[in-house]
PDB file of N, CA and C in Angstrom:
ATOM      1  N   GLU A   1       8.942  -2.091  11.034  1.00  0.00           N
ATOM      2  CA  GLU A   1       9.260  -0.929  10.222  1.00  0.00           C
ATOM      3  C   GLU A   1       8.815  -1.177   8.787  1.00  0.00           C
ATOM      4  N   ALA A   2       8.129  -0.209   8.207  1.00  0.00           N
ATOM      5  CA  ALA A   2       7.687  -0.300   6.813  1.00  0.00           C
ATOM      6  C   ALA A   2       8.682   0.424   5.923  1.00  0.00           C
ATOM      7  N   ARG A   3       9.316  -0.332   5.017  1.00  0.00           N
ATOM      8  CA  ARG A   3      10.265   0.225   4.046  1.00  0.00           C
ATOM      9  C   ARG A   3       9.586   0.115   2.687  1.00  0.00           C
ATOM     10  N   VAL A   4       9.067   1.244   2.199  1.00  0.00           N
ATOM     11  CA  VAL A   4       8.097   1.270   1.112  1.00  0.00           C
ATOM     12  C   VAL A   4       8.714   1.640  -0.233  1.00  0.00           C
ATOM     13  N   LEU A   5       8.351   0.852  -1.248  1.00  0.00           N
ATOM     14  CA  LEU A   5       8.594   1.218  -2.642  1.00  0.00           C
ATOM     15  C   LEU A   5       7.245   1.645  -3.203  1.00  0.00           C
ATOM     16  N   ALA A   6       7.192   2.776  -3.885  1.00  0.00           N
ATOM     17  CA  ALA A   6       5.946   3.261  -4.484  1.00  0.00           C
ATOM     18  C   ALA A   6       6.018   3.045  -5.988  1.00  0.00           C
ATOM     19  N   LEU A   7       5.263   2.067  -6.474  1.00  0.00           N
ATOM     20  CA  LEU A   7       5.185   1.787  -7.901  1.00  0.00           C
ATOM     21  C   LEU A   7       4.089   2.693  -8.456  1.00  0.00           C
ATOM     22  N   CYS A   8       4.493   3.926  -8.751  1.00  0.00           N
ATOM     23  CA  CYS A   8       3.551   4.996  -9.063  1.00  0.00           C
ATOM     24  C   CYS A   8       4.183   5.985 -10.033  1.00  0.00           C
ATOM     25  N   ASP A   9       3.341   6.835 -10.575  1.00  0.00           N
ATOM     26  CA  ASP A   9       3.815   7.975 -11.350  1.00  0.00           C
ATOM     27  C   ASP A   9       4.312   9.024 -10.349  1.00  0.00           C
ATOM     28  N   PRO A  10       5.579   9.411 -10.411  1.00  0.00           N
ATOM     29  CA  PRO A  10       6.107  10.387  -9.454  1.00  0.00           C
ATOM     30  C   PRO A  10       5.394  11.744  -9.498  1.00  0.00           C
ATOM     31  N   LEU A  11       4.670  12.012 -10.578  1.00  0.00           N
ATOM     32  CA  LEU A  11       3.963  13.293 -10.702  1.00  0.00           C
ATOM     33  C   LEU A  11       2.485  13.197 -10.337  1.00  0.00           C
ATOM     34  N   ASP A  12       2.024  12.040  -9.880  1.00  0.00           N
ATOM     35  CA  ASP A  12       0.621  11.844  -9.522  1.00  0.00           C
ATOM     36  C   ASP A  12       0.278  12.684  -8.290  1.00  0.00           C
ATOM     37  N   PRO A  13      -0.567  13.705  -8.458  1.00  0.00           N
ATOM     38  CA  PRO A  13      -0.871  14.585  -7.326  1.00  0.00           C
ATOM     39  C   PRO A  13      -1.615  13.886  -6.191  1.00  0.00           C
ATOM     40  N   TYR A  14      -2.307  12.788  -6.487  1.00  0.00           N
ATOM     41  CA  TYR A  14      -3.034  12.073  -5.440  1.00  0.00           C
ATOM     42  C   TYR A  14      -2.094  11.333  -4.483  1.00  0.00           C
ATOM     43  N   ASN A  15      -0.860  11.142  -4.897  1.00  0.00           N
ATOM     44  CA  ASN A  15       0.115  10.473  -4.033  1.00  0.00           C
ATOM     45  C   ASN A  15       1.017  11.458  -3.307  1.00  0.00           C
ATOM     46  N   LYS A  16       0.769  12.745  -3.479  1.00  0.00           N
ATOM     47  CA  LYS A  16       1.621  13.763  -2.873  1.00  0.00           C
ATOM     48  C   LYS A  16       1.810  13.569  -1.369  1.00  0.00           C
ATOM     49  N   PRO A  17       0.764  13.223  -0.606  1.00  0.00           N
ATOM     50  CA  PRO A  17       0.983  12.997   0.836  1.00  0.00           C
ATOM     51  C   PRO A  17       1.993  11.879   1.112  1.00  0.00           C
ATOM     52  N   LEU A  18       2.005  10.858   0.272  1.00  0.00           N
ATOM     53  CA  LEU A  18       2.983   9.771   0.430  1.00  0.00           C
ATOM     54  C   LEU A  18       4.378  10.276   0.091  1.00  0.00           C
ATOM     55  N   TYR A  19       4.492  11.003  -0.999  1.00  0.00           N
ATOM     56  CA  TYR A  19       5.793  11.475  -1.461  1.00  0.00           C
ATOM     57  C   TYR A  19       6.404  12.520  -0.519  1.00  0.00           C
ATOM     58  N   ASP A  20       5.546  13.417  -0.022  1.00  0.00           N
ATOM     59  CA  ASP A  20       6.048  14.544   0.772  1.00  0.00           C
ATOM     60  C   ASP A  20       6.013  14.306   2.273  1.00  0.00           C
ATOM     61  N   GLY A  21       5.285  13.278   2.720  1.00  0.00           N
ATOM     62  CA  GLY A  21       5.209  12.970   4.142  1.00  0.00           C
ATOM     63  C   GLY A  21       4.422  14.016   4.905  1.00  0.00           C
ATOM     64  N   PRO A  22       4.449  13.938   6.205  1.00  0.00           N
ATOM     65  CA  PRO A  22       5.163  12.922   6.990  1.00  0.00           C
ATOM     66  C   PRO A  22       4.425  11.588   6.945  1.00  0.00           C
ATOM     67  N   LEU A  23       5.183  10.526   7.051  1.00  0.00           N
ATOM     68  CA  LEU A  23       4.619   9.181   7.113  1.00  0.00           C
ATOM     69  C   LEU A  23       4.501   8.760   8.572  1.00  0.00           C
ATOM     70  N   PRO A  24       3.686   7.752   8.848  1.00  0.00           N
ATOM     71  CA  PRO A  24       3.586   7.275  10.228  1.00  0.00           C
ATOM     72  C   PRO A  24       4.952   6.851  10.768  1.00  0.00           C
ATOM     73  N   GLU A  25       5.103   6.978  12.059  1.00  0.00           N
ATOM     74  CA  GLU A  25       6.362   6.575  12.700  1.00  0.00           C
ATOM     75  C   GLU A  25       6.699   5.128  12.327  1.00  0.00           C
ATOM     76  N   GLY A  26       7.937   4.899  11.983  1.00  0.00           N
ATOM     77  CA  GLY A  26       8.388   3.570  11.607  1.00  0.00           C
ATOM     78  C   GLY A  26       8.242   3.275  10.125  1.00  0.00           C
ATOM     79  N   SER A  27       7.788   4.255   9.349  1.00  0.00           N
ATOM     80  CA  SER A  27       7.617   4.081   7.905  1.00  0.00           C
ATOM     81  C   SER A  27       8.610   4.953   7.162  1.00  0.00           C
ATOM     82  N   LYS A  28       9.119   4.417   6.053  1.00  0.00           N
ATOM     83  CA  LYS A  28      10.092   5.154   5.258  1.00  0.00           C
ATOM     84  C   LYS A  28       9.848   4.876   3.783  1.00  0.00           C
ATOM     85  N   LEU A  29       9.676   5.921   2.989  1.00  0.00           N
ATOM     86  CA  LEU A  29       9.541   5.785   1.545  1.00  0.00           C
ATOM     87  C   LEU A  29      10.941   5.703   0.955  1.00  0.00           C
ATOM     88  N   LEU A  30      11.261   4.559   0.344  1.00  0.00           N
ATOM     89  CA  LEU A  30      12.598   4.351  -0.198  1.00  0.00           C
ATOM     90  C   LEU A  30      12.750   4.903  -1.606  1.00  0.00           C
ATOM     91  N   ALA A  31      11.710   4.749  -2.439  1.00  0.00           N
ATOM     92  CA  ALA A  31      11.805   5.195  -3.826  1.00  0.00           C
ATOM     93  C   ALA A  31      10.435   5.216  -4.471  1.00  0.00           C
ATOM     94  N   VAL A  32      10.318   6.028  -5.522  1.00  0.00           N
ATOM     95  CA  VAL A  32       9.105   6.129  -6.333  1.00  0.00           C
ATOM     96  C   VAL A  32       9.515   5.894  -7.778  1.00  0.00           C
ATOM     97  N   GLY A  33       8.745   5.088  -8.493  1.00  0.00           N
ATOM     98  CA  GLY A  33       9.041   4.864  -9.899  1.00  0.00           C
ATOM     99  C   GLY A  33       8.006   3.986 -10.555  1.00  0.00           C
ATOM    100  N   SER A  34       8.170   3.775 -11.863  1.00  0.00           N
ATOM    101  CA  SER A  34       7.192   2.988 -12.599  1.00  0.00           C
ATOM    102  C   SER A  34       7.800   1.792 -13.326  1.00  0.00           C
ATOM    103  N   THR A  35       9.126   1.621 -13.236  1.00  0.00           N
ATOM    104  CA  THR A  35       9.790   0.465 -13.858  1.00  0.00           C
ATOM    105  C   THR A  35      10.812  -0.111 -12.876  1.00  0.00           C
ATOM    106  N   LEU A  36      11.239  -1.330 -13.131  1.00  0.00           N
ATOM    107  CA  LEU A  36      12.243  -1.959 -12.281  1.00  0.00           C
ATOM    108  C   LEU A  36      13.512  -1.111 -12.219  1.00  0.00           C
ATOM    109  N   ALA A  37      13.892  -0.515 -13.332  1.00  0.00           N
ATOM    110  CA  ALA A  37      15.109   0.300 -13.381  1.00  0.00           C
ATOM    111  C   ALA A  37      15.080   1.450 -12.373  1.00  0.00           C
ATOM    112  N   ASP A  38      13.891   1.953 -12.068  1.00  0.00           N
ATOM    113  CA  ASP A  38      13.770   3.054 -11.100  1.00  0.00           C
ATOM    114  C   ASP A  38      14.136   2.621  -9.681  1.00  0.00           C
ATOM    115  N   PHE A  39      14.126   1.320  -9.428  1.00  0.00           N
ATOM    116  CA  PHE A  39      14.378   0.802  -8.084  1.00  0.00           C
ATOM    117  C   PHE A  39      15.665  -0.015  -8.002  1.00  0.00           C
ATOM    118  N   ASP A  40      16.392  -0.079  -9.095  1.00  0.00           N
ATOM    119  CA  ASP A  40      17.551  -0.964  -9.181  1.00  0.00           C
ATOM    120  C   ASP A  40      18.842  -0.232  -8.841  1.00  0.00           C
ATOM    121  N   ASN A  41      18.997   0.101  -7.562  1.00  0.00           N
ATOM    122  CA  ASN A  41      20.273   0.673  -7.129  1.00  0.00           C
ATOM    123  C   ASN A  41      20.636   0.136  -5.750  1.00  0.00           C
ATOM    124  N   GLU A  42      21.907   0.152  -5.453  1.00  0.00           N
ATOM    125  CA  GLU A  42      22.436  -0.443  -4.217  1.00  0.00           C
ATOM    126  C   GLU A  42      21.771   0.108  -2.973  1.00  0.00           C
ATOM    127  N   SER A  43      21.520   1.403  -2.965  1.00  0.00           N
ATOM    128  CA  SER A  43      20.927   2.043  -1.794  1.00  0.00           C
ATOM    129  C   SER A  43      19.582   1.405  -1.439  1.00  0.00           C
ATOM    130  N   ILE A  44      18.753   1.166  -2.436  1.00  0.00           N
ATOM    131  CA  ILE A  44      17.436   0.570  -2.201  1.00  0.00           C
ATOM    132  C   ILE A  44      17.573  -0.909  -1.865  1.00  0.00           C
ATOM    133  N   ILE A  45      18.383  -1.612  -2.617  1.00  0.00           N
ATOM    134  CA  ILE A  45      18.557  -3.055  -2.416  1.00  0.00           C
ATOM    135  C   ILE A  45      19.014  -3.349  -0.991  1.00  0.00           C
ATOM    136  N   ASN A  46      19.941  -2.570  -0.469  1.00  0.00           N
ATOM    137  CA  ASN A  46      20.496  -2.802   0.867  1.00  0.00           C
ATOM    138  C   ASN A  46      19.519  -2.512   2.000  1.00  0.00           C
ATOM    139  N   GLN A  47      18.400  -1.844   1.707  1.00  0.00           N
ATOM    140  CA  GLN A  47      17.430  -1.522   2.756  1.00  0.00           C
ATOM    141  C   GLN A  47      16.309  -2.558   2.881  1.00  0.00           C
ATOM    142  N   ASP A  48      16.345  -3.605   2.069  1.00  0.00           N
ATOM    143  CA  ASP A  48      15.355  -4.685   2.136  1.00  0.00           C
ATOM    144  C   ASP A  48      13.913  -4.169   2.203  1.00  0.00           C
ATOM    145  N   PRO A  49      13.425  -3.559   1.127  1.00  0.00           N
ATOM    146  CA  PRO A  49      12.040  -3.066   1.147  1.00  0.00           C
ATOM    147  C   PRO A  49      11.068  -4.195   1.469  1.00  0.00           C
ATOM    148  N   ASN A  50      10.029  -3.863   2.241  1.00  0.00           N
ATOM    149  CA  ASN A  50       9.070  -4.901   2.619  1.00  0.00           C
ATOM    150  C   ASN A  50       7.625  -4.551   2.260  1.00  0.00           C
ATOM    151  N   VAL A  51       7.411  -3.379   1.654  1.00  0.00           N
ATOM    152  CA  VAL A  51       6.069  -2.951   1.237  1.00  0.00           C
ATOM    153  C   VAL A  51       6.168  -2.349  -0.160  1.00  0.00           C
ATOM    154  N   ILE A  52       5.183  -2.686  -1.005  1.00  0.00           N
ATOM    155  CA  ILE A  52       5.048  -2.005  -2.295  1.00  0.00           C
ATOM    156  C   ILE A  52       3.661  -1.386  -2.337  1.00  0.00           C
ATOM    157  N   PHE A  53       3.629  -0.071  -2.521  1.00  0.00           N
ATOM    158  CA  PHE A  53       2.383   0.676  -2.720  1.00  0.00           C
ATOM    159  C   PHE A  53       2.225   0.847  -4.222  1.00  0.00           C
ATOM    160  N   VAL A  54       1.050   0.489  -4.753  1.00  0.00           N
ATOM    161  CA  VAL A  54       0.853   0.505  -6.201  1.00  0.00           C
ATOM    162  C   VAL A  54      -0.292   1.434  -6.582  1.00  0.00           C
ATOM    163  N   SER A  55      -0.026   2.339  -7.529  1.00  0.00           N
ATOM    164  CA  SER A  55      -1.109   3.129  -8.110  1.00  0.00           C
ATOM    165  C   SER A  55      -0.869   3.424  -9.583  1.00  0.00           C
ATOM    166  N   HIS A  56       0.109   2.785 -10.185  1.00  0.00           N
ATOM    167  CA  HIS A  56       0.399   3.010 -11.599  1.00  0.00           C
ATOM    168  C   HIS A  56      -0.472   2.092 -12.455  1.00  0.00           C
ATOM    169  N   PRO A  57      -1.143   2.609 -13.489  1.00  0.00           N
ATOM    170  CA  PRO A  57      -2.047   1.771 -14.280  1.00  0.00           C
ATOM    171  C   PRO A  57      -1.347   0.655 -15.061  1.00  0.00           C
ATOM    172  N   ASN A  58      -0.069   0.786 -15.308  1.00  0.00           N
ATOM    173  CA  ASN A  58       0.678  -0.244 -16.048  1.00  0.00           C
ATOM    174  C   ASN A  58       1.629  -1.006 -15.125  1.00  0.00           C
ATOM    175  N   ALA A  59       1.163  -1.314 -13.936  1.00  0.00           N
ATOM    176  CA  ALA A  59       2.036  -1.885 -12.912  1.00  0.00           C
ATOM    177  C   ALA A  59       2.165  -3.404 -12.947  1.00  0.00           C
ATOM    178  N   ARG A  60       1.347  -4.099 -13.718  1.00  0.00           N
ATOM    179  CA  ARG A  60       1.335  -5.569 -13.654  1.00  0.00           C
ATOM    180  C   ARG A  60       2.731  -6.169 -13.854  1.00  0.00           C
ATOM    181  N   GLY A  61       3.390  -5.853 -14.943  1.00  0.00           N
ATOM    182  CA  GLY A  61       4.719  -6.408 -15.218  1.00  0.00           C
ATOM    183  C   GLY A  61       5.775  -5.943 -14.234  1.00  0.00           C
ATOM    184  N   PRO A  62       5.886  -4.625 -14.025  1.00  0.00           N
ATOM    185  CA  PRO A  62       6.893  -4.143 -13.073  1.00  0.00           C
ATOM    186  C   PRO A  62       6.699  -4.676 -11.649  1.00  0.00           C
ATOM    187  N   LEU A  63       5.450  -4.910 -11.235  1.00  0.00           N
ATOM    188  CA  LEU A  63       5.209  -5.429  -9.890  1.00  0.00           C
ATOM    189  C   LEU A  63       5.815  -6.825  -9.737  1.00  0.00           C
ATOM    190  N   VAL A  64       5.592  -7.694 -10.714  1.00  0.00           N
ATOM    191  CA  VAL A  64       6.159  -9.047 -10.640  1.00  0.00           C
ATOM    192  C   VAL A  64       7.686  -8.966 -10.649  1.00  0.00           C
ATOM    193  N   GLU A  65       8.251  -8.071 -11.454  1.00  0.00           N
ATOM    194  CA  GLU A  65       9.711  -7.900 -11.475  1.00  0.00           C
ATOM    195  C   GLU A  65      10.230  -7.456 -10.109  1.00  0.00           C
ATOM    196  N   LEU A  66       9.503  -6.536  -9.462  1.00  0.00           N
ATOM    197  CA  LEU A  66       9.910  -6.075  -8.129  1.00  0.00           C
ATOM    198  C   LEU A  66       9.816  -7.198  -7.101  1.00  0.00           C
ATOM    199  N   LEU A  67       8.757  -7.994  -7.184  1.00  0.00           N
ATOM    200  CA  LEU A  67       8.609  -9.110  -6.245  1.00  0.00           C
ATOM    201  C   LEU A  67       9.750 -10.116  -6.414  1.00  0.00           C
ATOM    202  N   ASN A  68      10.176 -10.328  -7.645  1.00  0.00           N
ATOM    203  CA  ASN A  68      11.303 -11.232  -7.896  1.00  0.00           C
ATOM    204  C   ASN A  68      12.619 -10.626  -7.423  1.00  0.00           C
ATOM    205  N   LYS A  69      12.788  -9.332  -7.595  1.00  0.00           N
ATOM    206  CA  LYS A  69      14.040  -8.649  -7.227  1.00  0.00           C
ATOM    207  C   LYS A  69      14.168  -8.503  -5.713  1.00  0.00           C
ATOM    208  N   PHE A  70      13.028  -8.288  -5.032  1.00  0.00           N
ATOM    209  CA  PHE A  70      13.039  -8.017  -3.593  1.00  0.00           C
ATOM    210  C   PHE A  70      12.219  -9.073  -2.843  1.00  0.00           C
ATOM    211  N   PRO A  71      12.821 -10.221  -2.532  1.00  0.00           N
ATOM    212  CA  PRO A  71      12.090 -11.255  -1.797  1.00  0.00           C
ATOM    213  C   PRO A  71      11.716 -10.819  -0.373  1.00  0.00           C
ATOM    214  N   SER A  72      12.243  -9.691   0.062  1.00  0.00           N
ATOM    215  CA  SER A  72      11.916  -9.161   1.391  1.00  0.00           C
ATOM    216  C   SER A  72      10.512  -8.545   1.443  1.00  0.00           C
ATOM    217  N   VAL A  73       9.879  -8.327   0.288  1.00  0.00           N
ATOM    218  CA  VAL A  73       8.539  -7.715   0.266  1.00  0.00           C
ATOM    219  C   VAL A  73       7.524  -8.680   0.868  1.00  0.00           C
ATOM    220  N   GLU A  74       6.765  -8.157   1.832  1.00  0.00           N
ATOM    221  CA  GLU A  74       5.741  -8.943   2.530  1.00  0.00           C
ATOM    222  C   GLU A  74       4.329  -8.476   2.212  1.00  0.00           C
ATOM    223  N   TRP A  75       4.197  -7.233   1.735  1.00  0.00           N
ATOM    224  CA  TRP A  75       2.872  -6.630   1.604  1.00  0.00           C
ATOM    225  C   TRP A  75       2.820  -5.768   0.356  1.00  0.00           C
ATOM    226  N   VAL A  76       1.747  -5.926  -0.422  1.00  0.00           N
ATOM    227  CA  VAL A  76       1.459  -5.075  -1.573  1.00  0.00           C
ATOM    228  C   VAL A  76       0.104  -4.437  -1.324  1.00  0.00           C
ATOM    229  N   HIS A  77       0.040  -3.117  -1.459  1.00  0.00           N
ATOM    230  CA  HIS A  77      -1.218  -2.394  -1.257  1.00  0.00           C
ATOM    231  C   HIS A  77      -1.504  -1.540  -2.485  1.00  0.00           C
ATOM    232  N   THR A  78      -2.739  -1.602  -2.981  1.00  0.00           N
ATOM    233  CA  THR A  78      -3.134  -0.757  -4.107  1.00  0.00           C
ATOM    234  C   THR A  78      -3.961   0.422  -3.612  1.00  0.00           C
ATOM    235  N   ARG A  79      -3.772   1.555  -4.270  1.00  0.00           N
ATOM    236  CA  ARG A  79      -4.547   2.745  -3.922  1.00  0.00           C
ATOM    237  C   ARG A  79      -5.997   2.591  -4.362  1.00  0.00           C
ATOM    238  N   SER A  80      -6.239   1.743  -5.344  1.00  0.00           N
ATOM    239  CA  SER A  80      -7.595   1.557  -5.864  1.00  0.00           C
ATOM    240  C   SER A  80      -8.297   0.407  -5.147  1.00  0.00           C
ATOM    241  N   ALA A  81      -9.610   0.337  -5.327  1.00  0.00           N
ATOM    242  CA  ALA A  81     -10.369  -0.769  -4.749  1.00  0.00           C
ATOM    243  C   ALA A  81     -10.165  -2.043  -5.570  1.00  0.00           C
ATOM    244  N   GLY A  82     -10.001  -1.897  -6.871  1.00  0.00           N
ATOM    245  CA  GLY A  82      -9.813  -3.055  -7.739  1.00  0.00           C
ATOM    246  C   GLY A  82      -8.351  -3.456  -7.827  1.00  0.00           C
ATOM    247  N   VAL A  83      -8.129  -4.737  -8.108  1.00  0.00           N
ATOM    248  CA  VAL A  83      -6.756  -5.219  -8.265  1.00  0.00           C
ATOM    249  C   VAL A  83      -6.520  -5.834  -9.646  1.00  0.00           C
ATOM    250  N   ASP A  84      -7.519  -5.762 -10.550  1.00  0.00           N
ATOM    251  CA  ASP A  84      -7.333  -6.400 -11.856  1.00  0.00           C
ATOM    252  C   ASP A  84      -6.152  -5.818 -12.629  1.00  0.00           C
ATOM    253  N   PHE A  85      -5.811  -4.564 -12.395  1.00  0.00           N
ATOM    254  CA  PHE A  85      -4.704  -3.948 -13.131  1.00  0.00           C
ATOM    255  C   PHE A  85      -3.337  -4.505 -12.714  1.00  0.00           C
ATOM    256  N   ILE A  86      -3.281  -5.233 -11.603  1.00  0.00           N
ATOM    257  CA  ILE A  86      -2.015  -5.860 -11.188  1.00  0.00           C
ATOM    258  C   ILE A  86      -2.118  -7.380 -11.109  1.00  0.00           C
ATOM    259  N   ALA A  87      -3.313  -7.917 -11.342  1.00  0.00           N
ATOM    260  CA  ALA A  87      -3.524  -9.367 -11.214  1.00  0.00           C
ATOM    261  C   ALA A  87      -2.637 -10.137 -12.195  1.00  0.00           C
ATOM    262  N   SER A  88      -1.945 -11.143 -11.670  1.00  0.00           N
ATOM    263  CA  SER A  88      -1.102 -11.986 -12.506  1.00  0.00           C
ATOM    264  C   SER A  88      -0.760 -13.254 -11.729  1.00  0.00           C
ATOM    265  N   ASP A  89      -0.348 -14.273 -12.464  1.00  0.00           N
ATOM    266  CA  ASP A  89       0.101 -15.503 -11.805  1.00  0.00           C
ATOM    267  C   ASP A  89       1.301 -15.220 -10.907  1.00  0.00           C
ATOM    268  N   GLY A  90       2.187 -14.318 -11.355  1.00  0.00           N
ATOM    269  CA  GLY A  90       3.372 -13.976 -10.567  1.00  0.00           C
ATOM    270  C   GLY A  90       3.011 -13.370  -9.229  1.00  0.00           C
ATOM    271  N   LEU A  91       2.004 -12.522  -9.205  1.00  0.00           N
ATOM    272  CA  LEU A  91       1.557 -11.918  -7.946  1.00  0.00           C
ATOM    273  C   LEU A  91       0.876 -12.964  -7.068  1.00  0.00           C
ATOM    274  N   PHE A  92      -0.058 -13.706  -7.655  1.00  0.00           N
ATOM    275  CA  PHE A  92      -0.852 -14.633  -6.844  1.00  0.00           C
ATOM    276  C   PHE A  92      -0.064 -15.851  -6.373  1.00  0.00           C
ATOM    277  N   SER A  93       1.067 -16.137  -7.016  1.00  0.00           N
ATOM    278  CA  SER A  93       1.889 -17.253  -6.548  1.00  0.00           C
ATOM    279  C   SER A  93       2.947 -16.799  -5.538  1.00  0.00           C
ATOM    280  N   SER A  94       3.037 -15.509  -5.313  1.00  0.00           N
ATOM    281  CA  SER A  94       4.001 -15.002  -4.334  1.00  0.00           C
ATOM    282  C   SER A  94       3.391 -15.068  -2.929  1.00  0.00           C
ATOM    283  N   PRO A  95       4.221 -15.045  -1.895  1.00  0.00           N
ATOM    284  CA  PRO A  95       3.712 -15.151  -0.528  1.00  0.00           C
ATOM    285  C   PRO A  95       3.245 -13.822   0.073  1.00  0.00           C
ATOM    286  N   VAL A  96       3.196 -12.744  -0.703  1.00  0.00           N
ATOM    287  CA  VAL A  96       2.867 -11.433  -0.151  1.00  0.00           C
ATOM    288  C   VAL A  96       1.402 -11.324   0.241  1.00  0.00           C
ATOM    289  N   GLN A  97       1.146 -10.463   1.202  1.00  0.00           N
ATOM    290  CA  GLN A  97      -0.211 -10.089   1.590  1.00  0.00           C
ATOM    291  C   GLN A  97      -0.650  -8.995   0.631  1.00  0.00           C
ATOM    292  N   LEU A  98      -1.819  -9.123   0.027  1.00  0.00           N
ATOM    293  CA  LEU A  98      -2.348  -8.136  -0.909  1.00  0.00           C
ATOM    294  C   LEU A  98      -3.558  -7.447  -0.289  1.00  0.00           C
ATOM    295  N   THR A  99      -3.513  -6.120  -0.222  1.00  0.00           N
ATOM    296  CA  THR A  99      -4.655  -5.349   0.271  1.00  0.00           C
ATOM    297  C   THR A  99      -4.968  -4.251  -0.741  1.00  0.00           C
ATOM    298  N   ASN A 100      -6.196  -3.725  -0.633  1.00  0.00           N
ATOM    299  CA  ASN A 100      -6.619  -2.652  -1.530  1.00  0.00           C
ATOM    300  C   ASN A 100      -7.386  -1.588  -0.758  1.00  0.00           C
ATOM    301  N   ALA A 101      -7.858  -0.601  -1.475  1.00  0.00           N
ATOM    302  CA  ALA A 101      -8.539   0.535  -0.837  1.00  0.00           C
ATOM    303  C   ALA A 101     -10.056   0.363  -0.820  1.00  0.00           C
ATOM    304  N   LYS A 102     -10.534  -0.857  -0.804  1.00  0.00           N
ATOM    305  CA  LYS A 102     -11.974  -1.105  -0.780  1.00  0.00           C
ATOM    306  C   LYS A 102     -12.626  -0.330   0.364  1.00  0.00           C
ATOM    307  N   GLY A 103     -13.672   0.389   0.026  1.00  0.00           N
ATOM    308  CA  GLY A 103     -14.412   1.157   1.023  1.00  0.00           C
ATOM    309  C   GLY A 103     -13.904   2.576   1.240  1.00  0.00           C
ATOM    310  N   MET A 104     -12.741   2.883   0.733  1.00  0.00           N
ATOM    311  CA  MET A 104     -12.167   4.234   0.935  1.00  0.00           C
ATOM    312  C   MET A 104     -12.922   5.303   0.171  1.00  0.00           C
ATOM    313  N   PHE A 105     -13.575   4.935  -0.907  1.00  0.00           N
ATOM    314  CA  PHE A 105     -14.218   5.923  -1.783  1.00  0.00           C
ATOM    315  C   PHE A 105     -15.733   5.838  -1.730  1.00  0.00           C
ATOM    316  N   SER A 106     -16.283   5.105  -0.755  1.00  0.00           N
ATOM    317  CA  SER A 106     -17.740   4.954  -0.650  1.00  0.00           C
ATOM    318  C   SER A 106     -18.326   6.070   0.177  1.00  0.00           C
TER     319      SER A 106
END
């Protein structure tokens, strides 16, 4: 089961399919936000999110904070082909699988 946190701008029209669904069977969007505070509530914490979808341009710091807050995260996926906007020692030293959208826009 994919329990997804979306580190994104909630008003980003390109993410509307993610926000409005339907998502694939077994997937659940837990929350959308751009800072740790947007995800810091009991309801989200108790669901053990295991995926972070990233499309916010200022996600580097908040992503590392989320990885520290939610050790249950196994996978980080970026909507873009590049990952430099989230690259950090905190990300690369974590055990998560990192994927991107390489080839989606070719």
